[in-house]
Protein backbone atom coordinates (compact mmCIF):
# COMPACT_ATOMS: atom_id res chain seq x y z
CA MET A 1 140.05 82.30 55.00
CA SER A 2 141.59 84.68 57.44
CA THR A 3 144.01 83.68 59.84
CA LEU A 4 143.40 85.35 63.33
CA ILE A 5 146.27 85.60 66.25
CA LEU A 6 144.90 85.33 70.08
CA LEU A 7 147.02 86.57 72.40
CA ALA A 8 146.80 85.40 76.14
CA PRO A 9 148.13 86.72 79.21
CA THR A 10 150.03 83.69 80.97
CA ALA A 11 149.78 83.58 84.90
CA GLY A 12 152.96 81.72 85.66
CA PRO A 13 156.50 83.04 85.29
CA PRO A 14 157.59 84.04 83.30
CA GLU A 15 154.87 86.40 83.13
CA GLY A 16 154.18 87.66 79.62
CA VAL A 17 151.85 87.16 76.48
CA VAL A 18 151.44 83.81 74.39
CA GLY A 19 150.09 84.38 71.08
CA PHE A 20 148.51 81.01 68.74
CA GLN A 21 147.50 81.44 65.61
CA VAL A 22 144.08 79.84 65.65
CA ARG A 23 143.30 77.77 62.60
CA LEU A 24 139.30 75.76 61.72
CA ARG A 25 140.86 72.84 63.83
CA ASP A 26 141.14 74.22 67.01
CA ARG A 27 137.96 76.46 66.25
CA LEU A 28 136.50 72.89 66.00
CA ALA A 29 138.21 71.44 68.51
CA ALA A 30 136.79 73.86 70.77
CA ARG A 31 133.37 73.00 69.85
CA LEU A 32 133.69 69.24 69.45
CA HIS A 33 135.23 68.49 72.28
CA ALA A 34 133.82 71.21 74.72
CA ALA A 35 133.35 68.83 77.07
CA ARG A 36 136.66 67.62 77.91
CA LEU A 37 138.37 70.92 77.58
CA ASP A 38 136.14 71.85 80.49
CA ARG A 39 137.29 69.08 82.50
CA GLN A 40 140.66 70.16 81.72
CA LEU A 41 139.66 73.65 82.90
CA VAL A 42 138.39 72.27 85.85
CA ARG A 43 141.11 70.18 87.03
CA GLY A 44 143.54 73.51 86.27
CA VAL A 45 145.15 73.21 83.70
CA ALA A 46 145.98 76.78 82.24
CA PRO A 47 144.24 78.20 79.43
CA GLU A 48 147.04 79.09 77.07
CA THR A 49 149.08 75.84 77.24
CA ASP A 50 146.95 75.08 73.92
CA ALA A 51 144.75 77.00 71.46
CA ALA A 52 141.46 75.02 71.17
CA LEU A 53 141.11 75.44 75.23
CA LEU A 54 141.93 78.90 74.97
CA LEU A 55 138.87 79.15 72.58
CA ARG A 56 136.77 77.27 74.99
CA ALA A 57 137.59 79.33 78.01
CA GLU A 58 137.01 82.25 76.08
CA ARG A 59 133.49 80.90 75.38
CA LEU A 60 132.65 79.63 78.49
CA ILE A 61 133.62 83.68 80.11
CA SER A 62 131.55 85.10 77.30
CA PRO A 63 128.38 87.20 78.65
CA SER A 64 125.79 85.28 76.63
CA THR A 65 127.41 82.20 78.29
CA ARG A 66 127.16 83.61 81.27
CA ARG A 67 123.52 84.74 81.70
CA ALA A 68 122.33 81.57 79.97
CA LEU A 69 123.95 79.46 83.11
CA ALA A 70 122.62 82.05 85.40
CA ARG A 71 119.24 81.54 84.06
CA ASP A 72 119.44 77.96 84.05
CA LEU A 73 120.59 78.30 87.92
CA ARG A 74 117.47 80.16 88.77
CA ARG A 75 114.99 78.28 86.96
CA VAL A 76 116.67 74.95 88.95
CA ILE A 77 114.88 77.55 92.19
CA ARG A 78 111.99 78.77 90.62
CA ASP A 79 111.32 74.32 89.89
CA ALA A 80 111.99 73.81 92.75
CA ARG A 81 110.04 76.19 94.60
CA GLY A 82 106.78 75.61 92.62
CA GLY A 83 107.23 71.90 92.43
CA HIS A 84 107.80 71.51 88.31
CA ALA A 85 107.22 68.44 86.58
CA TRP A 86 110.77 67.56 86.08
CA LEU A 87 111.50 67.48 89.92
CA GLU A 88 108.01 65.55 91.37
CA ALA A 89 108.77 63.37 88.50
CA ARG A 90 112.25 62.79 90.79
CA ILE A 91 111.40 61.33 94.38
CA PRO A 92 109.86 64.33 96.57
CA ALA A 93 113.80 64.63 98.48
CA ARG A 94 114.84 66.41 94.90
CA LYS A 95 113.33 69.33 95.78
CA ARG A 96 113.90 69.79 99.64
CA GLU A 97 117.74 69.37 98.57
CA ILE A 98 117.67 72.04 95.84
CA MET A 99 115.88 74.03 98.90
CA GLU A 100 118.42 73.80 101.54
CA VAL A 101 121.40 74.92 98.61
CA ALA A 102 118.88 77.86 96.91
CA ASP A 103 120.93 80.85 98.28
CA GLU A 104 123.95 79.71 97.25
CA LEU A 105 122.64 78.62 93.91
CA ASP A 106 121.61 82.35 93.92
CA GLU A 107 124.54 83.39 94.61
CA LEU A 108 126.14 81.48 91.97
CA ALA A 109 124.02 82.94 89.74
CA SER A 110 124.68 86.35 90.77
CA ARG A 111 128.25 86.37 90.35
CA LEU A 112 127.83 84.86 86.88
CA ASP A 113 125.88 87.91 86.11
CA MET A 114 127.60 90.63 83.96
CA ASP A 115 127.93 92.97 86.45
CA ALA A 116 129.72 91.01 88.92
CA GLY A 117 132.66 91.70 87.34
CA PRO A 118 135.21 89.41 85.86
CA VAL A 119 135.14 85.45 86.35
CA ALA A 120 137.52 82.50 85.96
CA PRO A 121 136.82 80.08 82.95
CA ARG A 122 137.14 77.14 85.87
CA GLY A 123 134.35 78.51 87.80
CA VAL A 124 131.94 78.34 84.54
CA ALA A 125 132.96 75.09 83.41
CA LEU A 126 132.28 73.98 87.01
CA VAL A 127 129.06 75.42 86.62
CA GLY A 128 128.00 73.60 83.54
CA MET A 129 129.22 70.40 84.57
CA LEU A 130 127.26 70.80 87.72
CA LEU A 131 123.90 71.66 85.35
CA THR A 132 124.74 69.11 82.98
CA ASP A 133 125.98 66.09 84.72
CA GLY A 134 122.36 63.86 85.09
CA CYS A 135 124.65 61.61 87.82
CA GLY A 136 125.90 64.72 89.52
CA PRO A 137 124.50 66.18 92.72
CA LEU A 138 122.27 68.53 91.36
CA TYR A 139 120.30 65.82 89.57
CA VAL A 140 121.28 62.49 92.42
CA THR A 141 118.79 62.16 95.20
CA GLY A 142 120.73 61.98 98.92
CA ALA A 143 123.31 64.51 97.60
CA ALA A 144 122.60 67.27 99.62
CA GLY A 145 125.99 67.83 100.48
CA HIS A 146 127.41 67.25 98.03
CA LEU A 147 125.54 69.58 95.96
CA ARG A 148 126.03 72.05 98.79
CA ALA A 149 130.31 71.51 97.86
CA ALA A 150 129.99 71.12 94.21
CA VAL A 151 127.88 75.07 94.16
CA GLU A 152 130.96 76.39 97.02
CA ARG A 153 133.22 74.77 94.84
CA ALA A 154 132.19 76.40 91.55
CA ILE A 155 131.62 79.73 93.44
CA GLU A 156 135.39 79.78 94.49
CA GLY A 157 136.32 78.39 90.93
CA LEU A 158 134.77 81.76 89.51
CA GLU A 159 137.59 84.03 91.46
CA PRO A 160 140.27 85.28 88.62
CA GLN A 161 143.47 83.93 89.54
CA VAL A 162 146.14 86.69 90.10
């Protein structure tokens, strides 16, 4: 088995590059513990603190992940506009609440598209959590204000830290 050396820039002083010898266990941890690692990124843990976290961050900002999340966000908007069955099965208020933030959701999807420039893994993790958390503001009726705040937080989180 070949060894991979992963180099990552450090954000805080002293600025520089940190290297990791990536092992199979790091790769497995990045896949098996993706949700936990995403929560760490959302809390602001620097990706370069751990090999598995860095691998997860790299996966999140990959073109394929960004395109998939953008597509899913646009599907949510399209389904709300078209009265899709999953929305109608929930309370019709869900449709109205999603439509209230449709422009922000579309902005978020556009920001994830590759031609929009680099993004921070924290913001991509926030988008993933927004789409998959069944108890989150995208799925809970009566949370329109929370949904707008979550979308705005994700947009802000996409901005790379300098």
